[in-house]
N, C-alpha and C. Protein backbone atom coordinates (compact mmCIF):
# COMPACT_ATOMS: atom_id res chain seq x y z
N MET A 1 60.76 -57.35 0.26
CA MET A 1 59.56 -56.79 0.90
C MET A 1 59.80 -55.30 1.20
N THR A 2 58.83 -54.46 0.89
CA THR A 2 58.95 -53.03 1.13
C THR A 2 58.58 -52.72 2.58
N ARG A 3 59.46 -52.02 3.25
CA ARG A 3 59.18 -51.67 4.64
C ARG A 3 58.31 -50.42 4.68
N VAL A 4 57.22 -50.47 5.45
CA VAL A 4 56.30 -49.33 5.58
C VAL A 4 56.84 -48.40 6.65
N ARG A 5 56.99 -47.13 6.29
CA ARG A 5 57.48 -46.14 7.25
C ARG A 5 56.28 -45.56 8.01
N LEU A 6 56.28 -45.77 9.32
CA LEU A 6 55.19 -45.28 10.14
C LEU A 6 55.47 -43.86 10.59
N SER A 7 54.39 -43.10 10.81
CA SER A 7 54.55 -41.77 11.38
C SER A 7 54.95 -41.91 12.85
N VAL A 8 55.43 -40.81 13.42
CA VAL A 8 55.83 -40.82 14.83
C VAL A 8 54.63 -41.22 15.70
N ALA A 9 53.45 -40.65 15.40
CA ALA A 9 52.26 -40.96 16.21
C ALA A 9 51.88 -42.43 16.10
N GLN A 10 51.96 -42.99 14.89
CA GLN A 10 51.64 -44.40 14.70
C GLN A 10 52.61 -45.29 15.44
N ARG A 11 53.90 -44.95 15.36
CA ARG A 11 54.91 -45.76 16.03
C ARG A 11 54.73 -45.71 17.54
N ARG A 12 54.48 -44.51 18.06
CA ARG A 12 54.27 -44.39 19.50
C ARG A 12 53.03 -45.19 19.93
N GLY A 13 52.00 -45.12 19.13
CA GLY A 13 50.79 -45.88 19.45
C GLY A 13 51.06 -47.37 19.50
N ASP A 14 51.82 -47.87 18.52
CA ASP A 14 52.18 -49.30 18.51
C ASP A 14 52.99 -49.67 19.75
N LEU A 15 53.94 -48.81 20.10
CA LEU A 15 54.77 -49.08 21.26
C LEU A 15 53.96 -49.09 22.55
N LEU A 16 53.01 -48.16 22.66
CA LEU A 16 52.19 -48.09 23.87
C LEU A 16 51.29 -49.31 23.99
N ARG A 17 50.70 -49.72 22.88
CA ARG A 17 49.84 -50.91 22.93
C ARG A 17 50.64 -52.17 23.27
N ALA A 18 51.83 -52.25 22.72
CA ALA A 18 52.69 -53.40 23.03
C ALA A 18 53.11 -53.37 24.51
N ALA A 19 53.39 -52.18 25.01
CA ALA A 19 53.78 -52.05 26.42
C ALA A 19 52.63 -52.48 27.33
N ILE A 20 51.40 -52.08 26.98
CA ILE A 20 50.24 -52.47 27.78
C ILE A 20 50.10 -53.99 27.82
N GLU A 21 50.24 -54.62 26.67
CA GLU A 21 50.13 -56.08 26.60
C GLU A 21 51.21 -56.76 27.45
N GLN A 22 52.42 -56.22 27.40
CA GLN A 22 53.52 -56.81 28.16
C GLN A 22 53.35 -56.58 29.66
N ILE A 23 52.85 -55.41 30.04
CA ILE A 23 52.60 -55.14 31.45
C ILE A 23 51.53 -56.07 31.99
N GLU A 24 50.46 -56.27 31.21
CA GLU A 24 49.38 -57.15 31.65
C GLU A 24 49.87 -58.59 31.78
N ALA A 25 50.80 -58.98 30.91
CA ALA A 25 51.30 -60.35 30.92
C ALA A 25 52.37 -60.58 31.99
N ARG A 26 53.23 -59.59 32.20
CA ARG A 26 54.40 -59.78 33.06
C ARG A 26 54.37 -59.00 34.36
N GLY A 27 53.57 -57.92 34.39
CA GLY A 27 53.60 -57.03 35.54
C GLY A 27 54.59 -55.90 35.31
N VAL A 28 54.34 -54.77 35.95
CA VAL A 28 55.19 -53.59 35.74
C VAL A 28 56.63 -53.87 36.17
N ALA A 29 56.81 -54.52 37.31
CA ALA A 29 58.15 -54.73 37.84
C ALA A 29 59.00 -55.60 36.92
N ALA A 30 58.38 -56.58 36.28
CA ALA A 30 59.15 -57.54 35.48
C ALA A 30 59.33 -57.13 34.03
N VAL A 31 58.47 -56.29 33.52
CA VAL A 31 58.54 -55.95 32.10
C VAL A 31 59.81 -55.16 31.80
N ARG A 32 60.38 -55.40 30.62
CA ARG A 32 61.62 -54.74 30.20
C ARG A 32 61.42 -54.04 28.85
N ILE A 33 62.26 -53.08 28.58
CA ILE A 33 62.26 -52.44 27.27
C ILE A 33 62.40 -53.50 26.19
N ALA A 34 63.26 -54.48 26.44
CA ALA A 34 63.50 -55.55 25.46
C ALA A 34 62.24 -56.35 25.16
N ASP A 35 61.36 -56.52 26.15
CA ASP A 35 60.11 -57.27 25.94
C ASP A 35 59.21 -56.53 24.95
N VAL A 36 59.13 -55.22 25.13
CA VAL A 36 58.29 -54.41 24.25
C VAL A 36 58.87 -54.40 22.83
N ALA A 37 60.17 -54.24 22.74
CA ALA A 37 60.83 -54.22 21.43
C ALA A 37 60.64 -55.56 20.72
N SER A 38 60.83 -56.65 21.44
CA SER A 38 60.70 -57.98 20.86
C SER A 38 59.29 -58.24 20.36
N ALA A 39 58.29 -57.76 21.11
CA ALA A 39 56.90 -57.98 20.72
C ALA A 39 56.58 -57.35 19.37
N LEU A 40 57.28 -56.27 19.03
CA LEU A 40 57.05 -55.58 17.76
C LEU A 40 58.12 -55.89 16.71
N GLY A 41 59.14 -56.63 17.10
CA GLY A 41 60.22 -56.92 16.16
C GLY A 41 61.06 -55.71 15.83
N VAL A 42 61.26 -54.83 16.81
CA VAL A 42 62.08 -53.63 16.60
C VAL A 42 63.23 -53.65 17.60
N SER A 43 64.13 -52.70 17.50
CA SER A 43 65.28 -52.65 18.38
C SER A 43 64.95 -51.94 19.69
N ASN A 44 65.74 -52.25 20.72
CA ASN A 44 65.61 -51.52 21.99
C ASN A 44 65.83 -50.03 21.77
N ALA A 45 66.74 -49.70 20.87
CA ALA A 45 67.07 -48.29 20.62
C ALA A 45 65.86 -47.52 20.11
N LEU A 46 65.02 -48.17 19.30
CA LEU A 46 63.84 -47.49 18.79
C LEU A 46 62.87 -47.17 19.91
N VAL A 47 62.69 -48.12 20.83
CA VAL A 47 61.81 -47.86 21.98
C VAL A 47 62.36 -46.70 22.80
N LEU A 48 63.67 -46.71 23.03
CA LEU A 48 64.29 -45.67 23.85
C LEU A 48 64.33 -44.33 23.13
N TYR A 49 64.23 -44.33 21.81
CA TYR A 49 64.16 -43.07 21.07
C TYR A 49 62.85 -42.35 21.39
N HIS A 50 61.79 -43.12 21.52
CA HIS A 50 60.47 -42.52 21.82
C HIS A 50 60.23 -42.33 23.31
N PHE A 51 60.79 -43.22 24.13
CA PHE A 51 60.60 -43.16 25.58
C PHE A 51 61.98 -43.42 26.20
N SER A 52 62.59 -42.40 26.76
CA SER A 52 64.00 -42.50 27.13
C SER A 52 64.27 -43.44 28.30
N THR A 53 63.22 -43.78 29.08
CA THR A 53 63.40 -44.72 30.18
C THR A 53 62.19 -45.66 30.25
N LYS A 54 62.38 -46.76 30.93
CA LYS A 54 61.26 -47.68 31.15
C LYS A 54 60.15 -46.97 31.92
N GLU A 55 60.52 -46.14 32.90
CA GLU A 55 59.52 -45.45 33.71
C GLU A 55 58.64 -44.55 32.85
N GLN A 56 59.25 -43.85 31.90
CA GLN A 56 58.46 -42.99 31.01
C GLN A 56 57.54 -43.82 30.13
N LEU A 57 58.02 -44.95 29.65
CA LEU A 57 57.20 -45.82 28.82
C LEU A 57 56.01 -46.36 29.61
N VAL A 58 56.24 -46.82 30.83
CA VAL A 58 55.16 -47.36 31.65
C VAL A 58 54.12 -46.30 31.96
N ALA A 59 54.57 -45.10 32.32
CA ALA A 59 53.64 -44.02 32.64
C ALA A 59 52.80 -43.66 31.42
N ALA A 60 53.44 -43.57 30.25
CA ALA A 60 52.72 -43.23 29.02
C ALA A 60 51.76 -44.34 28.63
N ALA A 61 52.16 -45.60 28.82
CA ALA A 61 51.28 -46.72 28.49
C ALA A 61 50.06 -46.74 29.39
N PHE A 62 50.27 -46.48 30.66
CA PHE A 62 49.15 -46.45 31.60
C PHE A 62 48.18 -45.33 31.24
N ARG A 63 48.72 -44.14 30.94
CA ARG A 63 47.84 -43.04 30.55
C ARG A 63 47.06 -43.38 29.29
N HIS A 64 47.72 -43.99 28.32
CA HIS A 64 47.07 -44.36 27.06
C HIS A 64 45.90 -45.31 27.33
N ALA A 65 46.12 -46.31 28.15
CA ALA A 65 45.07 -47.30 28.45
C ALA A 65 43.93 -46.66 29.25
N ALA A 66 44.28 -45.91 30.28
CA ALA A 66 43.27 -45.33 31.16
C ALA A 66 42.44 -44.27 30.44
N GLU A 67 43.05 -43.51 29.55
CA GLU A 67 42.31 -42.48 28.82
C GLU A 67 41.27 -43.10 27.88
N GLY A 68 41.53 -44.32 27.41
CA GLY A 68 40.53 -45.01 26.61
C GLY A 68 39.27 -45.29 27.42
N ASP A 69 39.46 -45.78 28.66
CA ASP A 69 38.32 -46.02 29.53
C ASP A 69 37.65 -44.70 29.92
N LEU A 70 38.46 -43.66 30.15
CA LEU A 70 37.90 -42.36 30.52
C LEU A 70 37.05 -41.78 29.40
N ALA A 71 37.50 -41.95 28.16
CA ALA A 71 36.72 -41.47 27.01
C ALA A 71 35.38 -42.20 26.94
N HIS A 72 35.38 -43.49 27.23
CA HIS A 72 34.13 -44.24 27.21
C HIS A 72 33.21 -43.76 28.33
N LEU A 73 33.77 -43.51 29.50
CA LEU A 73 32.97 -43.00 30.61
C LEU A 73 32.28 -41.70 30.23
N ARG A 74 33.03 -40.79 29.61
CA ARG A 74 32.45 -39.50 29.23
C ARG A 74 31.38 -39.67 28.16
N LYS A 75 31.56 -40.66 27.30
CA LYS A 75 30.54 -40.95 26.29
C LYS A 75 29.24 -41.40 26.95
N VAL A 76 29.36 -42.29 27.95
CA VAL A 76 28.18 -42.76 28.67
C VAL A 76 27.51 -41.62 29.42
N LEU A 77 28.31 -40.80 30.08
CA LEU A 77 27.75 -39.70 30.88
C LEU A 77 27.22 -38.57 30.01
N GLY A 78 27.62 -38.52 28.75
CA GLY A 78 27.18 -37.44 27.87
C GLY A 78 25.91 -37.74 27.10
N ARG A 79 25.31 -38.90 27.31
CA ARG A 79 24.09 -39.24 26.60
C ARG A 79 22.93 -38.35 27.01
N ARG A 80 21.95 -38.27 26.12
CA ARG A 80 20.75 -37.48 26.42
C ARG A 80 19.73 -38.37 27.11
N SER A 81 19.89 -38.49 28.40
CA SER A 81 18.98 -39.30 29.22
C SER A 81 19.06 -38.77 30.64
N PRO A 82 18.13 -39.17 31.52
CA PRO A 82 18.18 -38.69 32.90
C PRO A 82 19.52 -38.97 33.56
N ALA A 83 19.91 -38.09 34.45
CA ALA A 83 21.22 -38.21 35.11
C ALA A 83 21.35 -39.53 35.85
N LEU A 84 20.28 -39.99 36.49
CA LEU A 84 20.34 -41.23 37.24
C LEU A 84 20.64 -42.41 36.32
N ARG A 85 20.02 -42.43 35.16
CA ARG A 85 20.26 -43.52 34.22
C ARG A 85 21.71 -43.50 33.74
N ARG A 86 22.22 -42.30 33.44
CA ARG A 86 23.60 -42.18 32.99
C ARG A 86 24.59 -42.59 34.08
N LEU A 87 24.31 -42.14 35.31
CA LEU A 87 25.19 -42.46 36.42
C LEU A 87 25.20 -43.97 36.68
N ARG A 88 24.03 -44.56 36.68
CA ARG A 88 23.95 -46.00 36.93
C ARG A 88 24.67 -46.78 35.83
N SER A 89 24.48 -46.37 34.58
CA SER A 89 25.15 -47.05 33.46
C SER A 89 26.67 -46.95 33.60
N ALA A 90 27.13 -45.75 33.98
CA ALA A 90 28.57 -45.54 34.13
C ALA A 90 29.15 -46.39 35.25
N VAL A 91 28.46 -46.42 36.38
CA VAL A 91 28.95 -47.18 37.52
C VAL A 91 28.94 -48.68 37.23
N ARG A 92 27.90 -49.15 36.57
CA ARG A 92 27.83 -50.58 36.24
C ARG A 92 28.92 -50.96 35.25
N TRP A 93 29.24 -50.07 34.31
CA TRP A 93 30.30 -50.35 33.35
C TRP A 93 31.67 -50.30 34.03
N TYR A 94 31.88 -49.31 34.88
CA TYR A 94 33.16 -49.09 35.55
C TYR A 94 33.44 -50.14 36.62
N ALA A 95 32.38 -50.68 37.22
CA ALA A 95 32.55 -51.65 38.29
C ALA A 95 33.33 -52.87 37.80
N PRO A 96 34.04 -53.55 38.71
CA PRO A 96 34.81 -54.74 38.31
C PRO A 96 33.93 -55.88 37.82
N THR A 97 32.61 -55.74 37.99
CA THR A 97 31.68 -56.73 37.45
C THR A 97 31.23 -56.36 36.05
N GLY A 98 31.68 -55.19 35.56
CA GLY A 98 31.25 -54.70 34.25
C GLY A 98 32.25 -55.01 33.15
N GLN A 99 32.26 -54.13 32.11
CA GLN A 99 33.06 -54.40 30.92
C GLN A 99 34.36 -53.61 30.83
N ALA A 100 34.62 -52.73 31.79
CA ALA A 100 35.89 -52.00 31.77
C ALA A 100 37.05 -52.98 31.86
N LYS A 101 38.08 -52.78 31.04
CA LYS A 101 39.16 -53.75 30.93
C LYS A 101 40.44 -53.36 31.66
N GLY A 102 40.46 -52.18 32.26
CA GLY A 102 41.73 -51.68 32.77
C GLY A 102 42.06 -52.01 34.21
N TRP A 103 41.26 -52.86 34.88
CA TRP A 103 41.46 -53.04 36.32
C TRP A 103 42.82 -53.62 36.66
N ARG A 104 43.26 -54.65 35.94
CA ARG A 104 44.56 -55.24 36.28
C ARG A 104 45.67 -54.21 36.12
N LEU A 105 45.56 -53.37 35.09
CA LEU A 105 46.56 -52.33 34.87
C LEU A 105 46.51 -51.28 35.98
N TRP A 106 45.30 -50.89 36.40
CA TRP A 106 45.16 -49.92 37.50
C TRP A 106 45.82 -50.47 38.76
N ILE A 107 45.54 -51.73 39.09
CA ILE A 107 46.08 -52.31 40.32
C ILE A 107 47.60 -52.37 40.26
N GLU A 108 48.14 -52.74 39.11
CA GLU A 108 49.60 -52.73 38.92
C GLU A 108 50.14 -51.33 39.15
N SER A 109 49.46 -50.34 38.60
CA SER A 109 49.98 -48.97 38.69
C SER A 109 49.94 -48.44 40.11
N TRP A 110 48.91 -48.80 40.88
CA TRP A 110 48.83 -48.33 42.27
C TRP A 110 50.06 -48.78 43.06
N ALA A 111 50.44 -50.04 42.88
CA ALA A 111 51.59 -50.56 43.62
C ALA A 111 52.88 -49.85 43.22
N VAL A 112 53.10 -49.70 41.92
CA VAL A 112 54.35 -49.10 41.43
C VAL A 112 54.39 -47.60 41.73
N ALA A 113 53.23 -46.94 41.69
CA ALA A 113 53.18 -45.48 41.90
C ALA A 113 53.67 -45.06 43.29
N LEU A 114 53.67 -45.99 44.24
CA LEU A 114 54.17 -45.66 45.58
C LEU A 114 55.62 -45.22 45.53
N ARG A 115 56.38 -45.72 44.54
CA ARG A 115 57.80 -45.41 44.45
C ARG A 115 58.20 -44.74 43.14
N ASP A 116 57.22 -44.53 42.26
CA ASP A 116 57.51 -43.96 40.94
C ASP A 116 56.76 -42.64 40.79
N PRO A 117 57.43 -41.50 40.98
CA PRO A 117 56.75 -40.20 40.92
C PRO A 117 56.05 -39.93 39.59
N ALA A 118 56.65 -40.36 38.47
CA ALA A 118 56.04 -40.10 37.16
C ALA A 118 54.72 -40.83 37.03
N LEU A 119 54.68 -42.09 37.42
CA LEU A 119 53.45 -42.85 37.33
C LEU A 119 52.43 -42.36 38.35
N ARG A 120 52.90 -41.96 39.52
CA ARG A 120 51.99 -41.44 40.54
C ARG A 120 51.28 -40.19 40.05
N GLU A 121 52.01 -39.31 39.39
CA GLU A 121 51.41 -38.08 38.86
C GLU A 121 50.35 -38.39 37.81
N VAL A 122 50.65 -39.33 36.92
CA VAL A 122 49.68 -39.73 35.89
C VAL A 122 48.45 -40.34 36.53
N ALA A 123 48.65 -41.27 37.48
CA ALA A 123 47.52 -41.95 38.12
C ALA A 123 46.64 -40.97 38.88
N GLN A 124 47.24 -40.03 39.59
CA GLN A 124 46.46 -39.05 40.34
C GLN A 124 45.64 -38.16 39.41
N ASP A 125 46.25 -37.74 38.32
CA ASP A 125 45.53 -36.90 37.36
C ASP A 125 44.32 -37.62 36.78
N LEU A 126 44.51 -38.87 36.36
CA LEU A 126 43.40 -39.63 35.79
C LEU A 126 42.33 -39.92 36.84
N ASP A 127 42.75 -40.21 38.07
CA ASP A 127 41.81 -40.47 39.15
C ASP A 127 40.94 -39.24 39.41
N ARG A 128 41.55 -38.06 39.38
CA ARG A 128 40.79 -36.82 39.57
C ARG A 128 39.76 -36.64 38.45
N GLN A 129 40.14 -36.99 37.23
CA GLN A 129 39.21 -36.85 36.10
C GLN A 129 38.02 -37.79 36.23
N TRP A 130 38.27 -39.03 36.68
CA TRP A 130 37.18 -39.98 36.90
C TRP A 130 36.18 -39.41 37.92
N LYS A 131 36.69 -38.97 39.05
CA LYS A 131 35.83 -38.46 40.12
C LYS A 131 35.08 -37.21 39.69
N ALA A 132 35.76 -36.32 38.95
CA ALA A 132 35.12 -35.10 38.50
C ALA A 132 33.98 -35.39 37.53
N ALA A 133 34.17 -36.37 36.65
CA ALA A 133 33.12 -36.72 35.69
C ALA A 133 31.89 -37.26 36.41
N LEU A 134 32.08 -38.10 37.41
CA LEU A 134 30.96 -38.64 38.17
C LEU A 134 30.28 -37.55 38.99
N ALA A 135 31.08 -36.70 39.63
CA ALA A 135 30.52 -35.62 40.44
C ALA A 135 29.67 -34.68 39.59
N GLU A 136 30.09 -34.44 38.36
CA GLU A 136 29.36 -33.53 37.48
C GLU A 136 27.96 -34.07 37.17
N VAL A 137 27.86 -35.34 36.83
CA VAL A 137 26.54 -35.89 36.50
C VAL A 137 25.67 -36.01 37.75
N ILE A 138 26.29 -36.25 38.92
CA ILE A 138 25.52 -36.27 40.17
C ILE A 138 24.93 -34.89 40.43
N ALA A 139 25.74 -33.85 40.22
CA ALA A 139 25.24 -32.48 40.41
C ALA A 139 24.11 -32.17 39.43
N GLU A 140 24.20 -32.68 38.21
CA GLU A 140 23.12 -32.48 37.24
C GLU A 140 21.83 -33.12 37.73
N GLY A 141 21.94 -34.32 38.30
CA GLY A 141 20.75 -35.00 38.81
C GLY A 141 20.13 -34.27 39.97
N VAL A 142 20.96 -33.70 40.83
CA VAL A 142 20.45 -32.91 41.95
C VAL A 142 19.71 -31.68 41.43
N ALA A 143 20.32 -30.97 40.48
CA ALA A 143 19.71 -29.76 39.91
C ALA A 143 18.38 -30.07 39.23
N ALA A 144 18.28 -31.28 38.63
CA ALA A 144 17.05 -31.66 37.94
C ALA A 144 16.00 -32.23 38.89
N GLY A 145 16.35 -32.36 40.16
CA GLY A 145 15.40 -32.90 41.13
C GLY A 145 15.21 -34.41 41.06
N GLU A 146 16.16 -35.11 40.46
CA GLU A 146 16.03 -36.56 40.32
C GLU A 146 16.35 -37.28 41.63
N PHE A 147 17.26 -36.71 42.41
CA PHE A 147 17.64 -37.31 43.68
C PHE A 147 18.29 -36.25 44.55
N ARG A 148 18.60 -36.62 45.78
CA ARG A 148 19.22 -35.70 46.74
C ARG A 148 20.66 -36.12 47.00
N CYS A 149 21.54 -35.14 47.01
CA CYS A 149 22.95 -35.41 47.31
C CYS A 149 23.61 -34.09 47.69
N PRO A 150 23.86 -33.87 48.97
CA PRO A 150 24.43 -32.58 49.40
C PRO A 150 25.90 -32.41 49.03
N ASP A 151 26.59 -33.49 48.70
CA ASP A 151 28.03 -33.41 48.42
C ASP A 151 28.39 -34.32 47.24
N PRO A 152 28.14 -33.86 46.00
CA PRO A 152 28.44 -34.70 44.83
C PRO A 152 29.89 -35.17 44.77
N ALA A 153 30.84 -34.30 45.13
CA ALA A 153 32.25 -34.69 45.08
C ALA A 153 32.54 -35.80 46.09
N GLY A 154 31.97 -35.67 47.28
CA GLY A 154 32.17 -36.70 48.29
C GLY A 154 31.55 -38.03 47.88
N THR A 155 30.36 -37.96 47.28
CA THR A 155 29.71 -39.17 46.80
C THR A 155 30.54 -39.84 45.71
N ALA A 156 31.06 -39.06 44.78
CA ALA A 156 31.90 -39.62 43.72
C ALA A 156 33.12 -40.30 44.30
N LEU A 157 33.72 -39.70 45.32
CA LEU A 157 34.90 -40.30 45.95
C LEU A 157 34.54 -41.62 46.63
N ARG A 158 33.44 -41.63 47.37
CA ARG A 158 33.05 -42.85 48.08
C ARG A 158 32.68 -43.97 47.11
N LEU A 159 31.99 -43.63 46.03
CA LEU A 159 31.62 -44.65 45.05
C LEU A 159 32.85 -45.25 44.38
N THR A 160 33.78 -44.39 43.97
CA THR A 160 34.97 -44.91 43.30
C THR A 160 35.85 -45.69 44.28
N ALA A 161 35.88 -45.27 45.55
CA ALA A 161 36.65 -46.01 46.54
C ALA A 161 36.08 -47.42 46.71
N LEU A 162 34.74 -47.53 46.74
CA LEU A 162 34.10 -48.84 46.84
C LEU A 162 34.43 -49.69 45.62
N LEU A 163 34.32 -49.10 44.44
CA LEU A 163 34.60 -49.84 43.21
C LEU A 163 36.07 -50.27 43.14
N ASP A 164 36.97 -49.38 43.55
CA ASP A 164 38.39 -49.73 43.55
C ASP A 164 38.66 -50.91 44.49
N GLY A 165 38.07 -50.85 45.68
CA GLY A 165 38.28 -51.92 46.64
C GLY A 165 37.72 -53.25 46.15
N LEU A 166 36.55 -53.21 45.56
CA LEU A 166 35.97 -54.44 45.01
C LEU A 166 36.81 -54.98 43.87
N ALA A 167 37.39 -54.08 43.09
CA ALA A 167 38.24 -54.51 41.98
C ALA A 167 39.44 -55.30 42.48
N VAL A 168 40.03 -54.84 43.58
CA VAL A 168 41.17 -55.56 44.15
C VAL A 168 40.74 -56.95 44.59
N GLN A 169 39.60 -57.04 45.26
CA GLN A 169 39.12 -58.33 45.73
C GLN A 169 38.82 -59.29 44.58
N LEU A 170 38.13 -58.78 43.57
CA LEU A 170 37.72 -59.65 42.46
C LEU A 170 38.87 -60.00 41.52
N THR A 171 39.82 -59.07 41.38
CA THR A 171 40.93 -59.30 40.46
C THR A 171 42.06 -60.09 41.11
N SER A 172 42.33 -59.80 42.36
CA SER A 172 43.49 -60.39 43.02
C SER A 172 43.19 -61.67 43.78
N TYR A 173 41.94 -61.81 44.27
CA TYR A 173 41.61 -62.95 45.11
C TYR A 173 40.40 -63.67 44.55
N ALA A 174 40.66 -64.66 43.74
CA ALA A 174 39.57 -65.39 43.08
C ALA A 174 38.63 -66.00 44.12
N GLY A 175 37.34 -65.71 43.94
CA GLY A 175 36.33 -66.28 44.82
C GLY A 175 36.11 -65.54 46.12
N ALA A 176 36.87 -64.44 46.35
CA ALA A 176 36.73 -63.72 47.61
C ALA A 176 35.34 -63.10 47.75
N VAL A 177 34.83 -62.57 46.65
CA VAL A 177 33.49 -61.95 46.64
C VAL A 177 32.77 -62.40 45.38
N PRO A 178 31.59 -62.99 45.51
CA PRO A 178 30.82 -63.33 44.30
C PRO A 178 30.50 -62.06 43.52
N ARG A 179 30.58 -62.13 42.20
CA ARG A 179 30.33 -60.95 41.38
C ARG A 179 28.92 -60.41 41.59
N ALA A 180 27.95 -61.29 41.73
CA ALA A 180 26.57 -60.83 41.94
C ALA A 180 26.45 -60.06 43.24
N ARG A 181 27.16 -60.51 44.27
CA ARG A 181 27.10 -59.81 45.57
C ARG A 181 27.78 -58.45 45.46
N ALA A 182 28.89 -58.40 44.75
CA ALA A 182 29.57 -57.12 44.57
C ALA A 182 28.66 -56.12 43.87
N GLN A 183 27.93 -56.58 42.87
CA GLN A 183 27.02 -55.70 42.16
C GLN A 183 25.90 -55.21 43.08
N GLU A 184 25.43 -56.08 43.96
CA GLU A 184 24.41 -55.67 44.93
C GLU A 184 24.93 -54.57 45.83
N TRP A 185 26.17 -54.70 46.28
CA TRP A 185 26.75 -53.67 47.15
C TRP A 185 26.85 -52.33 46.44
N VAL A 186 27.19 -52.36 45.17
CA VAL A 186 27.28 -51.12 44.39
C VAL A 186 25.90 -50.48 44.27
N GLU A 187 24.88 -51.30 44.00
CA GLU A 187 23.51 -50.78 43.89
C GLU A 187 23.07 -50.18 45.23
N GLU A 188 23.37 -50.88 46.32
CA GLU A 188 22.98 -50.39 47.64
C GLU A 188 23.68 -49.07 47.96
N ALA A 189 24.93 -48.94 47.54
CA ALA A 189 25.67 -47.68 47.76
C ALA A 189 25.01 -46.53 47.02
N LEU A 190 24.58 -46.77 45.78
CA LEU A 190 23.89 -45.72 45.02
C LEU A 190 22.61 -45.30 45.72
N VAL A 191 21.86 -46.26 46.23
CA VAL A 191 20.62 -45.96 46.94
C VAL A 191 20.90 -45.06 48.15
N ARG A 192 21.89 -45.43 48.94
CA ARG A 192 22.23 -44.65 50.13
C ARG A 192 22.71 -43.25 49.76
N GLU A 193 23.62 -43.18 48.82
CA GLU A 193 24.26 -41.90 48.49
C GLU A 193 23.29 -40.90 47.87
N LEU A 194 22.30 -41.40 47.13
CA LEU A 194 21.40 -40.51 46.41
C LEU A 194 20.05 -40.36 47.08
N GLY A 195 19.89 -40.95 48.25
CA GLY A 195 18.64 -40.81 48.99
C GLY A 195 17.45 -41.40 48.26
N LEU A 196 17.65 -42.53 47.59
CA LEU A 196 16.60 -43.16 46.81
C LEU A 196 15.99 -44.34 47.54
N GLU A 197 14.83 -44.75 47.10
CA GLU A 197 14.29 -46.05 47.49
C GLU A 197 14.91 -47.08 46.57
N GLN A 198 15.03 -48.33 47.03
CA GLN A 198 15.64 -49.37 46.20
C GLN A 198 14.92 -49.50 44.85
N GLU A 199 13.60 -49.28 44.86
CA GLU A 199 12.85 -49.38 43.61
C GLU A 199 13.26 -48.34 42.58
N GLY A 200 13.88 -47.27 43.08
CA GLY A 200 14.30 -46.22 42.16
C GLY A 200 15.38 -46.64 41.19
N LEU A 201 16.04 -47.76 41.48
CA LEU A 201 17.09 -48.25 40.60
C LEU A 201 16.64 -49.44 39.78
N THR A 202 15.39 -49.81 39.87
CA THR A 202 14.91 -50.91 39.07
C THR A 202 14.96 -50.56 37.59
N PRO A 203 15.56 -51.42 36.74
CA PRO A 203 15.65 -51.09 35.30
C PRO A 203 14.27 -50.80 34.72
């Protein structure tokens, strides 16, 4: 059998995807370089050639996964439609009741980042990008007269804090909050933050 030689970028991509799968299955604390290597049928040395420590591999894997969700968020927010529609679509997708897949990985990273400076730096950078993207579309809606919001950055922070908290409840504690109720709370938060009537969010 002829062995296919992968480019450095392809190999790194394979390693990152394998690391994400292993982290989701085992958790950050339990996952080992050997687990990632075994999943791809390669040596530990090959993994360490691309990522010299487990900490570097975990941080890179988290960034890889989170940037995929961030790219989707920007795609939703970049559509040619009213700011309120884009914001609502983004929040509904990002919410733990939506289709975003990275919540378990985010929650894992928050715990580990308390003691891992490399992962903490990555998580903070991505968190800032999420909030900035939401704040930008909120400011666009204010400028267009769609709604009122004196502090777009503050609103973005409060919305993401609510979504993060709900994600912990829904992901970590089965049955703690019904998904339909969580979605109602998110809708109510949008109404309050943007000075809208509830009917303003009716599809």
